[in-house]
C-alpha atoms as a PDB file:
ATOM      1  CA  UNK A   1      24.596 -74.130 -23.719  1.00  0.00           C
ATOM      2  CA  UNK A   2      22.594 -76.999 -25.199  1.00  0.00           C
ATOM      3  CA  UNK A   3      19.196 -78.411 -24.351  1.00  0.00           C
ATOM      4  CA  UNK A   4      18.844 -81.964 -22.992  1.00  0.00           C
ATOM      5  CA  UNK A   5      15.318 -83.206 -23.662  1.00  0.00           C
ATOM      6  CA  UNK A   6      12.131 -81.951 -25.276  1.00  0.00           C
ATOM      7  CA  UNK A   7       9.674 -80.206 -23.003  1.00  0.00           C
ATOM      8  CA  UNK A   8       7.430 -82.394 -20.860  1.00  0.00           C
ATOM      9  CA  UNK A   9       5.052 -79.656 -19.679  1.00  0.00           C
ATOM     10  CA  UNK A  10       2.354 -80.532 -22.213  1.00  0.00           C
ATOM     11  CA  UNK A  11       1.677 -76.891 -23.041  1.00  0.00           C
ATOM     12  CA  UNK A  12       0.595 -75.878 -26.540  1.00  0.00           C
ATOM     13  CA  UNK A  13       2.165 -72.690 -27.886  1.00  0.00           C
ATOM     14  CA  UNK A  14       0.563 -70.611 -30.627  1.00  0.00           C
ATOM     15  CA  UNK A  15       2.787 -67.912 -32.120  1.00  0.00           C
ATOM     16  CA  UNK A  16       1.239 -65.134 -34.211  1.00  0.00           C
ATOM     17  CA  UNK A  17       3.071 -63.788 -37.283  1.00  0.00           C
ATOM     18  CA  UNK A  18       3.059 -60.279 -35.787  1.00  0.00           C
ATOM     19  CA  UNK A  19       5.544 -61.479 -33.143  1.00  0.00           C
ATOM     20  CA  UNK A  20       7.987 -62.749 -35.759  1.00  0.00           C
ATOM     21  CA  UNK A  21       7.614 -59.569 -37.815  1.00  0.00           C
ATOM     22  CA  UNK A  22       8.288 -57.405 -34.746  1.00  0.00           C
ATOM     23  CA  UNK A  23      11.406 -59.392 -33.836  1.00  0.00           C
ATOM     24  CA  UNK A  24      12.724 -59.285 -37.407  1.00  0.00           C
ATOM     25  CA  UNK A  25      12.098 -55.548 -37.607  1.00  0.00           C
ATOM     26  CA  UNK A  26      13.802 -55.015 -34.234  1.00  0.00           C
ATOM     27  CA  UNK A  27      16.873 -56.991 -35.313  1.00  0.00           C
ATOM     28  CA  UNK A  28      17.054 -55.251 -38.709  1.00  0.00           C
ATOM     29  CA  UNK A  29      16.846 -51.775 -37.190  1.00  0.00           C
ATOM     30  CA  UNK A  30      19.484 -52.479 -34.572  1.00  0.00           C
ATOM     31  CA  UNK A  31      21.807 -54.054 -37.136  1.00  0.00           C
ATOM     32  CA  UNK A  32      21.441 -50.980 -39.354  1.00  0.00           C
ATOM     33  CA  UNK A  33      22.126 -48.633 -36.421  1.00  0.00           C
ATOM     34  CA  UNK A  34      25.117 -50.680 -35.229  1.00  0.00           C
ATOM     35  CA  UNK A  35      26.572 -51.129 -38.708  1.00  0.00           C
ATOM     36  CA  UNK A  36      30.335 -51.308 -38.438  1.00  0.00           C
ATOM     37  CA  UNK A  37      30.280 -51.532 -34.628  1.00  0.00           C
ATOM     38  CA  UNK A  38      29.046 -54.950 -33.559  1.00  0.00           C
ATOM     39  CA  UNK A  39      28.020 -57.593 -36.051  1.00  0.00           C
ATOM     40  CA  UNK A  40      26.802 -59.972 -33.350  1.00  0.00           C
ATOM     41  CA  UNK A  41      24.599 -57.458 -31.528  1.00  0.00           C
ATOM     42  CA  UNK A  42      21.602 -59.172 -29.930  1.00  0.00           C
ATOM     43  CA  UNK A  43      18.160 -57.725 -29.391  1.00  0.00           C
ATOM     44  CA  UNK A  44      15.940 -58.566 -26.437  1.00  0.00           C
ATOM     45  CA  UNK A  45      12.219 -58.221 -26.024  1.00  0.00           C
ATOM     46  CA  UNK A  46       9.215 -59.263 -24.019  1.00  0.00           C
ATOM     47  CA  UNK A  47       6.568 -61.664 -25.381  1.00  0.00           C
ATOM     48  CA  UNK A  48       2.942 -60.728 -24.729  1.00  0.00           C
ATOM     49  CA  UNK A  49      -0.053 -63.025 -24.851  1.00  0.00           C
ATOM     50  CA  UNK A  50      -2.457 -64.953 -22.692  1.00  0.00           C
ATOM     51  CA  UNK A  51      -2.784 -68.476 -21.369  1.00  0.00           C
ATOM     52  CA  UNK A  52      -6.051 -70.377 -21.474  1.00  0.00           C
ATOM     53  CA  UNK A  53      -5.731 -73.756 -19.806  1.00  0.00           C
ATOM     54  CA  UNK A  54      -2.860 -75.612 -21.464  1.00  0.00           C
ATOM     55  CA  UNK A  55      -2.750 -73.262 -24.476  1.00  0.00           C
ATOM     56  CA  UNK A  56      -0.397 -70.278 -24.503  1.00  0.00           C
ATOM     57  CA  UNK A  57      -1.195 -67.706 -27.195  1.00  0.00           C
ATOM     58  CA  UNK A  58       1.756 -65.392 -28.040  1.00  0.00           C
ATOM     59  CA  UNK A  59       0.317 -62.475 -30.003  1.00  0.00           C
ATOM     60  CA  UNK A  60       2.617 -59.453 -29.589  1.00  0.00           C
ATOM     61  CA  UNK A  61       5.948 -58.266 -28.235  1.00  0.00           C
ATOM     62  CA  UNK A  62       7.739 -55.337 -26.603  1.00  0.00           C
ATOM     63  CA  UNK A  63      11.358 -54.296 -26.927  1.00  0.00           C
ATOM     64  CA  UNK A  64      13.640 -54.388 -23.882  1.00  0.00           C
ATOM     65  CA  UNK A  65      16.439 -51.958 -23.101  1.00  0.00           C
ATOM     66  CA  UNK A  66      19.574 -53.547 -21.668  1.00  0.00           C
ATOM     67  CA  UNK A  67      23.280 -52.965 -21.235  1.00  0.00           C
ATOM     68  CA  UNK A  68      26.175 -55.296 -20.651  1.00  0.00           C
ATOM     69  CA  UNK A  69      27.935 -54.714 -17.342  1.00  0.00           C
ATOM     70  CA  UNK A  70      30.608 -56.447 -15.321  1.00  0.00           C
ATOM     71  CA  UNK A  71      28.168 -59.043 -13.990  1.00  0.00           C
ATOM     72  CA  UNK A  72      26.551 -59.721 -17.363  1.00  0.00           C
ATOM     73  CA  UNK A  73      23.422 -58.414 -19.045  1.00  0.00           C
ATOM     74  CA  UNK A  74      21.381 -55.961 -16.994  1.00  0.00           C
ATOM     75  CA  UNK A  75      17.760 -55.362 -18.058  1.00  0.00           C
ATOM     76  CA  UNK A  76      16.063 -52.018 -17.508  1.00  0.00           C
ATOM     77  CA  UNK A  77      13.169 -53.411 -15.460  1.00  0.00           C
ATOM     78  CA  UNK A  78      11.736 -49.958 -14.719  1.00  0.00           C
ATOM     79  CA  UNK A  79      11.417 -49.233 -18.438  1.00  0.00           C
ATOM     80  CA  UNK A  80       9.851 -52.647 -19.075  1.00  0.00           C
ATOM     81  CA  UNK A  81       7.356 -52.188 -16.238  1.00  0.00           C
ATOM     82  CA  UNK A  82       6.342 -48.774 -17.539  1.00  0.00           C
ATOM     83  CA  UNK A  83       5.887 -50.072 -21.085  1.00  0.00           C
ATOM     84  CA  UNK A  84       3.767 -52.974 -19.837  1.00  0.00           C
ATOM     85  CA  UNK A  85       1.526 -50.639 -17.843  1.00  0.00           C
ATOM     86  CA  UNK A  86       1.010 -48.458 -20.899  1.00  0.00           C
ATOM     87  CA  UNK A  87       0.266 -51.500 -23.043  1.00  0.00           C
ATOM     88  CA  UNK A  88      -2.204 -52.794 -20.460  1.00  0.00           C
ATOM     89  CA  UNK A  89      -4.295 -49.661 -20.849  1.00  0.00           C
ATOM     90  CA  UNK A  90      -5.028 -50.612 -24.469  1.00  0.00           C
ATOM     91  CA  UNK A  91      -4.862 -54.413 -24.281  1.00  0.00           C
ATOM     92  CA  UNK A  92      -5.806 -55.386 -20.707  1.00  0.00           C
ATOM     93  CA  UNK A  93      -6.018 -59.115 -21.517  1.00  0.00           C
ATOM     94  CA  UNK A  94      -2.390 -59.471 -22.628  1.00  0.00           C
ATOM     95  CA  UNK A  95       0.222 -60.463 -20.056  1.00  0.00           C
ATOM     96  CA  UNK A  96       3.922 -61.208 -20.154  1.00  0.00           C
ATOM     97  CA  UNK A  97       4.393 -64.844 -21.177  1.00  0.00           C
ATOM     98  CA  UNK A  98       8.109 -64.819 -21.928  1.00  0.00           C
ATOM     99  CA  UNK A  99      10.930 -63.088 -23.762  1.00  0.00           C
ATOM    100  CA  UNK A 100      12.769 -63.263 -27.060  1.00  0.00           C
ATOM    101  CA  UNK A 101      16.273 -62.823 -28.367  1.00  0.00           C
ATOM    102  CA  UNK A 102      18.265 -63.239 -31.564  1.00  0.00           C
ATOM    103  CA  UNK A 103      21.132 -65.633 -32.121  1.00  0.00           C
ATOM    104  CA  UNK A 104      22.112 -68.938 -33.606  1.00  0.00           C
ATOM    105  CA  UNK A 105      21.978 -70.931 -30.360  1.00  0.00           C
ATOM    106  CA  UNK A 106      21.218 -70.677 -26.665  1.00  0.00           C
ATOM    107  CA  UNK A 107      24.005 -69.050 -24.651  1.00  0.00           C
ATOM    108  CA  UNK A 108      25.045 -69.345 -21.025  1.00  0.00           C
ATOM    109  CA  UNK A 109      23.879 -65.801 -20.238  1.00  0.00           C
ATOM    110  CA  UNK A 110      20.359 -66.581 -21.451  1.00  0.00           C
ATOM    111  CA  UNK A 111      19.463 -68.365 -18.235  1.00  0.00           C
ATOM    112  CA  UNK A 112      20.385 -65.231 -16.289  1.00  0.00           C
ATOM    113  CA  UNK A 113      18.012 -63.179 -18.448  1.00  0.00           C
ATOM    114  CA  UNK A 114      15.380 -65.902 -18.101  1.00  0.00           C
ATOM    115  CA  UNK A 115      15.488 -65.630 -14.321  1.00  0.00           C
ATOM    116  CA  UNK A 116      15.049 -61.850 -14.570  1.00  0.00           C
ATOM    117  CA  UNK A 117      11.885 -62.345 -16.625  1.00  0.00           C
ATOM    118  CA  UNK A 118      10.469 -64.572 -13.867  1.00  0.00           C
ATOM    119  CA  UNK A 119       9.781 -61.332 -11.975  1.00  0.00           C
ATOM    120  CA  UNK A 120       6.975 -60.764 -14.494  1.00  0.00           C
ATOM    121  CA  UNK A 121       5.955 -64.395 -15.107  1.00  0.00           C
ATOM    122  CA  UNK A 122       6.703 -67.444 -12.976  1.00  0.00           C
ATOM    123  CA  UNK A 123       7.142 -69.766 -15.987  1.00  0.00           C
ATOM    124  CA  UNK A 124       8.244 -67.692 -18.979  1.00  0.00           C
ATOM    125  CA  UNK A 125       9.086 -69.090 -22.400  1.00  0.00           C
ATOM    126  CA  UNK A 126      12.124 -68.164 -24.449  1.00  0.00           C
ATOM    127  CA  UNK A 127      11.848 -67.536 -28.197  1.00  0.00           C
ATOM    128  CA  UNK A 128      15.106 -67.535 -30.146  1.00  0.00           C
ATOM    129  CA  UNK A 129      15.207 -66.229 -33.717  1.00  0.00           C
ATOM    130  CA  UNK A 130      18.253 -66.722 -35.927  1.00  0.00           C
ATOM    131  CA  UNK A 131      18.485 -63.754 -38.353  1.00  0.00           C
ATOM    132  CA  UNK A 132      21.472 -65.332 -40.145  1.00  0.00           C
ATOM    133  CA  UNK A 133      19.684 -68.549 -41.078  1.00  0.00           C
ATOM    134  CA  UNK A 134      20.296 -69.702 -44.643  1.00  0.00           C
ATOM    135  CA  UNK A 135      17.439 -68.546 -46.866  1.00  0.00           C
ATOM    136  CA  UNK A 136      17.283 -71.954 -48.550  1.00  0.00           C
ATOM    137  CA  UNK A 137      16.228 -73.484 -45.234  1.00  0.00           C
ATOM    138  CA  UNK A 138      12.551 -74.442 -45.423  1.00  0.00           C
ATOM    139  CA  UNK A 139      11.732 -74.242 -41.695  1.00  0.00           C
ATOM    140  CA  UNK A 140      11.332 -71.025 -39.771  1.00  0.00           C
ATOM    141  CA  UNK A 141      14.547 -69.975 -37.966  1.00  0.00           C
ATOM    142  CA  UNK A 142      12.616 -69.879 -34.696  1.00  0.00           C
ATOM    143  CA  UNK A 143      13.083 -72.031 -31.616  1.00  0.00           C
ATOM    144  CA  UNK A 144      10.959 -72.009 -28.471  1.00  0.00           C
ATOM    145  CA  UNK A 145      12.261 -73.055 -25.072  1.00  0.00           C
ATOM    146  CA  UNK A 146      10.949 -73.620 -21.583  1.00  0.00           C
ATOM    147  CA  UNK A 147      12.955 -73.996 -18.406  1.00  0.00           C
ATOM    148  CA  UNK A 148      12.859 -77.115 -16.248  1.00  0.00           C
ATOM    149  CA  UNK A 149      14.656 -78.151 -13.082  1.00  0.00           C
ATOM    150  CA  UNK A 150      16.893 -81.190 -13.686  1.00  0.00           C
ATOM    151  CA  UNK A 151      19.410 -83.015 -11.554  1.00  0.00           C
ATOM    152  CA  UNK A 152      22.859 -82.777 -13.125  1.00  0.00           C
ATOM    153  CA  UNK A 153      25.600 -84.587 -11.235  1.00  0.00           C
ATOM    154  CA  UNK A 154      23.347 -84.626  -8.204  1.00  0.00           C
ATOM    155  CA  UNK A 155      22.852 -80.842  -8.306  1.00  0.00           C
ATOM    156  CA  UNK A 156      19.456 -79.352  -9.272  1.00  0.00           C
ATOM    157  CA  UNK A 157      19.881 -76.913 -12.132  1.00  0.00           C
ATOM    158  CA  UNK A 158      17.512 -75.012 -14.404  1.00  0.00           C
ATOM    159  CA  UNK A 159      18.070 -75.817 -18.057  1.00  0.00           C
ATOM    160  CA  UNK A 160      16.309 -74.962 -21.319  1.00  0.00           C
ATOM    161  CA  UNK A 161      14.198 -77.643 -22.970  1.00  0.00           C
ATOM    162  CA  UNK A 162      12.809 -77.198 -26.471  1.00  0.00           C
ATOM    163  CA  UNK A 163       9.061 -76.900 -27.006  1.00  0.00           C
ATOM    164  CA  UNK A 164       6.913 -77.344 -30.080  1.00  0.00           C
ATOM    165  CA  UNK A 165       4.822 -74.493 -31.454  1.00  0.00           C
ATOM    166  CA  UNK A 166       2.346 -73.712 -34.204  1.00  0.00           C
ATOM    167  CA  UNK A 167       1.759 -70.523 -36.161  1.00  0.00           C
ATOM    168  CA  UNK A 168      -1.656 -69.057 -35.406  1.00  0.00           C
ATOM    169  CA  UNK A 169      -3.153 -66.258 -37.547  1.00  0.00           C
ATOM    170  CA  UNK A 170      -6.337 -64.209 -37.374  1.00  0.00           C
ATOM    171  CA  UNK A 171      -8.232 -62.727 -40.304  1.00  0.00           C
ATOM    172  CA  UNK A 172      -6.745 -59.257 -39.760  1.00  0.00           C
ATOM    173  CA  UNK A 173      -3.239 -60.710 -39.553  1.00  0.00           C
ATOM    174  CA  UNK A 174      -3.705 -62.667 -42.767  1.00  0.00           C
ATOM    175  CA  UNK A 175      -4.690 -59.489 -44.587  1.00  0.00           C
ATOM    176  CA  UNK A 176      -1.628 -57.665 -43.234  1.00  0.00           C
ATOM    177  CA  UNK A 177       0.718 -60.542 -44.056  1.00  0.00           C
ATOM    178  CA  UNK A 178      -0.643 -60.766 -47.598  1.00  0.00           C
ATOM    179  CA  UNK A 179      -0.015 -57.044 -48.056  1.00  0.00           C
ATOM    180  CA  UNK A 180       3.551 -57.393 -46.765  1.00  0.00           C
ATOM    181  CA  UNK A 181       4.127 -60.378 -49.051  1.00  0.00           C
ATOM    182  CA  UNK A 182       3.196 -58.237 -52.063  1.00  0.00           C
ATOM    183  CA  UNK A 183       5.981 -55.759 -51.336  1.00  0.00           C
ATOM    184  CA  UNK A 184       8.572 -55.865 -54.122  1.00  0.00           C
ATOM    185  CA  UNK A 185      12.335 -56.095 -53.413  1.00  0.00           C
ATOM    186  CA  UNK A 186      12.792 -52.412 -54.143  1.00  0.00           C
ATOM    187  CA  UNK A 187      10.289 -51.568 -51.397  1.00  0.00           C
ATOM    188  CA  UNK A 188       7.235 -50.630 -53.458  1.00  0.00           C
ATOM    189  CA  UNK A 189       3.994 -52.541 -53.750  1.00  0.00           C
ATOM    190  CA  UNK A 190       1.609 -52.497 -56.705  1.00  0.00           C
ATOM    191  CA  UNK A 191      -0.383 -49.532 -55.404  1.00  0.00           C
ATOM    192  CA  UNK A 192       2.772 -47.500 -54.966  1.00  0.00           C
ATOM    193  CA  UNK A 193       3.884 -48.389 -58.484  1.00  0.00           C
ATOM    194  CA  UNK A 194       0.586 -47.122 -59.871  1.00  0.00           C
ATOM    195  CA  UNK A 195       0.915 -43.875 -57.940  1.00  0.00           C
ATOM    196  CA  UNK A 196       4.513 -43.431 -59.117  1.00  0.00           C
ATOM    197  CA  UNK A 197       3.446 -44.037 -62.726  1.00  0.00           C
ATOM    198  CA  UNK A 198       0.693 -41.422 -62.335  1.00  0.00           C
ATOM    199  CA  UNK A 199       3.135 -38.853 -60.950  1.00  0.00           C
ATOM    200  CA  UNK A 200       5.638 -39.646 -63.696  1.00  0.00           C
ATOM    201  CA  UNK A 201       2.998 -39.062 -66.376  1.00  0.00           C
ATOM    202  CA  UNK A 202       2.053 -35.738 -64.739  1.00  0.00           C
ATOM    203  CA  UNK A 203       5.709 -34.747 -64.613  1.00  0.00           C
ATOM    204  CA  UNK A 204       6.178 -35.612 -68.294  1.00  0.00           C
ATOM    205  CA  UNK A 205       3.064 -33.617 -69.252  1.00  0.00           C
ATOM    206  CA  UNK A 206       4.185 -30.558 -67.267  1.00  0.00           C
ATOM    207  CA  UNK A 207       7.683 -30.809 -68.723  1.00  0.00           C
ATOM    208  CA  UNK A 208       6.268 -30.955 -72.270  1.00  0.00           C
ATOM    209  CA  UNK A 209       4.006 -27.953 -71.568  1.00  0.00           C
ATOM    210  CA  UNK A 210       6.961 -26.004 -70.215  1.00  0.00           C
ATOM    211  CA  UNK A 211       9.009 -26.770 -73.336  1.00  0.00           C
ATOM    212  CA  UNK A 212       6.209 -25.711 -75.660  1.00  0.00           C
ATOM    213  CA  UNK A 213       5.730 -22.467 -73.727  1.00  0.00           C
ATOM    214  CA  UNK A 214       9.425 -21.695 -74.035  1.00  0.00           C
ATOM    215  CA  UNK A 215       9.205 -22.190 -77.820  1.00  0.00           C
ATOM    216  CA  UNK A 216       6.154 -19.926 -77.959  1.00  0.00           C
ATOM    217  CA  UNK A 217       7.913 -17.307 -75.833  1.00  0.00           C
ATOM    218  CA  UNK A 218      10.911 -17.265 -78.186  1.00  0.00           C
ATOM    219  CA  UNK A 219       8.593 -17.004 -81.188  1.00  0.00           C
ATOM    220  CA  UNK A 220       6.687 -14.052 -79.703  1.00  0.00           C
ATOM    221  CA  UNK A 221       9.942 -12.257 -78.858  1.00  0.00           C
ATOM    222  CA  UNK A 222      11.092 -12.705 -82.466  1.00  0.00           C
ATOM    223  CA  UNK A 223       7.759 -11.314 -83.689  1.00  0.00           C
ATOM    224  CA  UNK A 224       8.078  -8.343 -81.325  1.00  0.00           C
ATOM    225  CA  UNK A 225      11.622  -7.631 -82.555  1.00  0.00           C
ATOM    226  CA  UNK A 226      10.569  -7.830 -86.194  1.00  0.00           C
ATOM    227  CA  UNK A 227      12.602 -10.896 -87.073  1.00  0.00           C
ATOM    228  CA  UNK A 228       9.394 -12.792 -87.951  1.00  0.00           C
ATOM    229  CA  UNK A 229       6.383 -11.259 -89.739  1.00  0.00           C
ATOM    230  CA  UNK A 230       3.445 -10.329 -87.518  1.00  0.00           C
ATOM    231  CA  UNK A 231       0.786 -13.104 -87.465  1.00  0.00           C
ATOM    232  CA  UNK A 232      -2.554 -11.976 -85.986  1.00  0.00           C
ATOM    233  CA  UNK A 233      -3.990 -15.510 -85.813  1.00  0.00           C
ATOM    234  CA  UNK A 234      -0.956 -16.723 -83.917  1.00  0.00           C
ATOM    235  CA  UNK A 235      -1.124 -13.781 -81.493  1.00  0.00           C
ATOM    236  CA  UNK A 236      -4.812 -14.467 -80.774  1.00  0.00           C
ATOM    237  CA  UNK A 237      -4.081 -18.148 -80.089  1.00  0.00           C
ATOM    238  CA  UNK A 238      -1.187 -17.213 -77.786  1.00  0.00           C
ATOM    239  CA  UNK A 239      -3.374 -14.740 -75.911  1.00  0.00           C
ATOM    240  CA  UNK A 240      -6.067 -17.395 -75.479  1.00  0.00           C
ATOM    241  CA  UNK A 241      -3.472 -19.841 -74.170  1.00  0.00           C
ATOM    242  CA  UNK A 242      -2.028 -17.333 -71.715  1.00  0.00           C
ATOM    243  CA  UNK A 243      -5.493 -16.622 -70.282  1.00  0.00           C
ATOM    244  CA  UNK A 244      -5.889 -20.328 -69.496  1.00  0.00           C
ATOM    245  CA  UNK A 245      -2.665 -20.447 -67.460  1.00  0.00           C
ATOM    246  CA  UNK A 246      -2.900 -19.941 -63.672  1.00  0.00           C
ATOM    247  CA  UNK A 247      -2.178 -16.385 -62.559  1.00  0.00           C
ATOM    248  CA  UNK A 248      -0.663 -17.303 -59.198  1.00  0.00           C
ATOM    249  CA  UNK A 249       2.288 -14.963 -59.592  1.00  0.00           C
ATOM    250  CA  UNK A 250       0.205 -11.984 -60.696  1.00  0.00           C
ATOM    251  CA  UNK A 251       0.233  -8.964 -58.395  1.00  0.00           C
ATOM    252  CA  UNK A 252      -3.557  -8.880 -57.959  1.00  0.00           C
ATOM    253  CA  UNK A 253      -4.052 -12.650 -57.778  1.00  0.00           C
ATOM    254  CA  UNK A 254      -4.065 -12.836 -53.951  1.00  0.00           C
ATOM    255  CA  UNK A 255      -6.613 -10.048 -53.620  1.00  0.00           C
ATOM    256  CA  UNK A 256      -8.856 -11.482 -56.328  1.00  0.00           C
ATOM    257  CA  UNK A 257      -8.583 -14.917 -54.776  1.00  0.00           C
ATOM    258  CA  UNK A 258      -9.635 -13.614 -51.337  1.00  0.00           C
ATOM    259  CA  UNK A 259     -12.599 -11.770 -52.862  1.00  0.00           C
ATOM    260  CA  UNK A 260     -13.796 -14.879 -54.671  1.00  0.00           C
ATOM    261  CA  UNK A 261     -13.189 -17.035 -51.596  1.00  0.00           C
ATOM    262  CA  UNK A 262     -15.171 -14.676 -49.347  1.00  0.00           C
ATOM    263  CA  UNK A 263     -18.010 -14.544 -51.872  1.00  0.00           C
ATOM    264  CA  UNK A 264     -18.126 -18.322 -52.042  1.00  0.00           C
ATOM    265  CA  UNK A 265     -18.083 -18.680 -48.247  1.00  0.00           C
ATOM    266  CA  UNK A 266     -20.795 -16.025 -47.919  1.00  0.00           C
ATOM    267  CA  UNK A 267     -22.954 -17.996 -50.329  1.00  0.00           C
ATOM    268  CA  UNK A 268     -22.408 -21.143 -48.260  1.00  0.00           C
ATOM    269  CA  UNK A 269     -23.261 -19.325 -45.011  1.00  0.00           C
ATOM    270  CA  UNK A 270     -26.389 -17.801 -46.506  1.00  0.00           C
ATOM    271  CA  UNK A 271     -27.478 -21.222 -47.725  1.00  0.00           C
ATOM    272  CA  UNK A 272     -26.918 -22.675 -44.256  1.00  0.00           C
ATOM    273  CA  UNK A 273     -28.845 -19.837 -42.593  1.00  0.00           C
ATOM    274  CA  UNK A 274     -31.724 -20.260 -45.061  1.00  0.00           C
ATOM    275  CA  UNK A 275     -31.913 -24.003 -44.387  1.00  0.00           C
ATOM    276  CA  UNK A 276     -31.820 -23.366 -40.640  1.00  0.00           C
ATOM    277  CA  UNK A 277     -34.622 -20.789 -40.818  1.00  0.00           C
ATOM    278  CA  UNK A 278     -36.695 -23.153 -42.939  1.00  0.00           C
ATOM    279  CA  UNK A 279     -36.212 -25.956 -40.397  1.00  0.00           C
ATOM    280  CA  UNK A 280     -37.173 -23.647 -37.510  1.00  0.00           C
ATOM    281  CA  UNK A 281     -40.306 -22.475 -39.368  1.00  0.00           C
ATOM    282  CA  UNK A 282     -41.262 -26.097 -39.973  1.00  0.00           C
ATOM    283  CA  UNK A 283     -40.912 -26.889 -36.256  1.00  0.00           C
ATOM    284  CA  UNK A 284     -42.882 -23.761 -35.274  1.00  0.00           C
ATOM    285  CA  UNK A 285     -45.723 -24.721 -37.616  1.00  0.00           C
ATOM    286  CA  UNK A 286     -45.839 -28.255 -36.227  1.00  0.00           C
ATOM    287  CA  UNK A 287     -45.849 -26.985 -32.608  1.00  0.00           C
ATOM    288  CA  UNK A 288     -48.543 -24.411 -33.393  1.00  0.00           C
ATOM    289  CA  UNK A 289     -50.686 -27.041 -35.075  1.00  0.00           C
ATOM    290  CA  UNK A 290     -50.304 -29.428 -32.142  1.00  0.00           C
ATOM    291  CA  UNK A 291     -51.176 -26.837 -29.499  1.00  0.00           C
ATOM    292  CA  UNK A 292     -54.061 -25.413 -31.524  1.00  0.00           C
ATOM    293  CA  UNK A 293     -55.617 -28.869 -31.860  1.00  0.00           C
ATOM    294  CA  UNK A 294     -55.316 -29.436 -28.099  1.00  0.00           C
ATOM    295  CA  UNK A 295     -56.918 -26.044 -27.363  1.00  0.00           C
ATOM    296  CA  UNK A 296     -59.787 -26.853 -29.732  1.00  0.00           C
ATOM    297  CA  UNK A 297     -60.400 -30.180 -28.027  1.00  0.00           C
ATOM    298  CA  UNK A 298     -60.442 -28.550 -24.582  1.00  0.00           C
ATOM    299  CA  UNK A 299     -62.926 -25.899 -25.701  1.00  0.00           C
ATOM    300  CA  UNK A 300     -65.123 -28.612 -27.161  1.00  0.00           C
ATOM    301  CA  UNK A 301     -65.098 -30.514 -23.903  1.00  0.00           C
ATOM    302  CA  UNK A 302     -66.102 -27.411 -22.008  1.00  0.00           C
END
């Protein structure tokens, strides 16, 4: 199904990057889930935004459940209505302004879906995103359509007409988009790389410590068996090193830990009680001073 003329409605459409990210994520997830089943699986969703005069601001989107029956695509309108009501509780200003789909071109069945969306908006818009667009293409693989009533062979028919749009971003969206743009192909950003390098250095240090302890353990066993002469300085250094190691696996560690923990908590509680008593004494002194001064004034007046 092809469009005839550009739109003549005069409306200005502003699309936020969050909408395009949501649609791309929706298509990617469904393609991964349907891998090996249907390569041309389409995703459908609802466009959310608000209209102010001749300007339509498309700022978010919702996914739509559907299934293909004998009469074509059937949308789960009950699910969509419930999702819109839930969304309205958080964003009461956003309404349904249209719907979206994925594909390379407008299909015959799209007008049927478009008429279903008119139950939520009298004049919805249709956003089509092509996920298979060549990456060397400079323009966004996004097309926006409106529906108009035209006479074709003397018969009035609703057809899609293409509309122009602009990308509109807020400060919060620009920050989010910049963060997404910094993500490397392997899925890690700079902060994640720094954290991974930190964990790798810790792992290398622990691995080196474990190797050195194994060497020391073998050496001490050889000293105990008499294969190596007894070295008092070495034994003292080993004993000092062992005392610095955590005693988590010791039999009495849990009991000692609970004793120290209870002592520390008792100290904290006593400090809190002392501060509370001091604050109460301060208030009592202020109240006593205030009432004593009033009593003195009254006695002086008498």
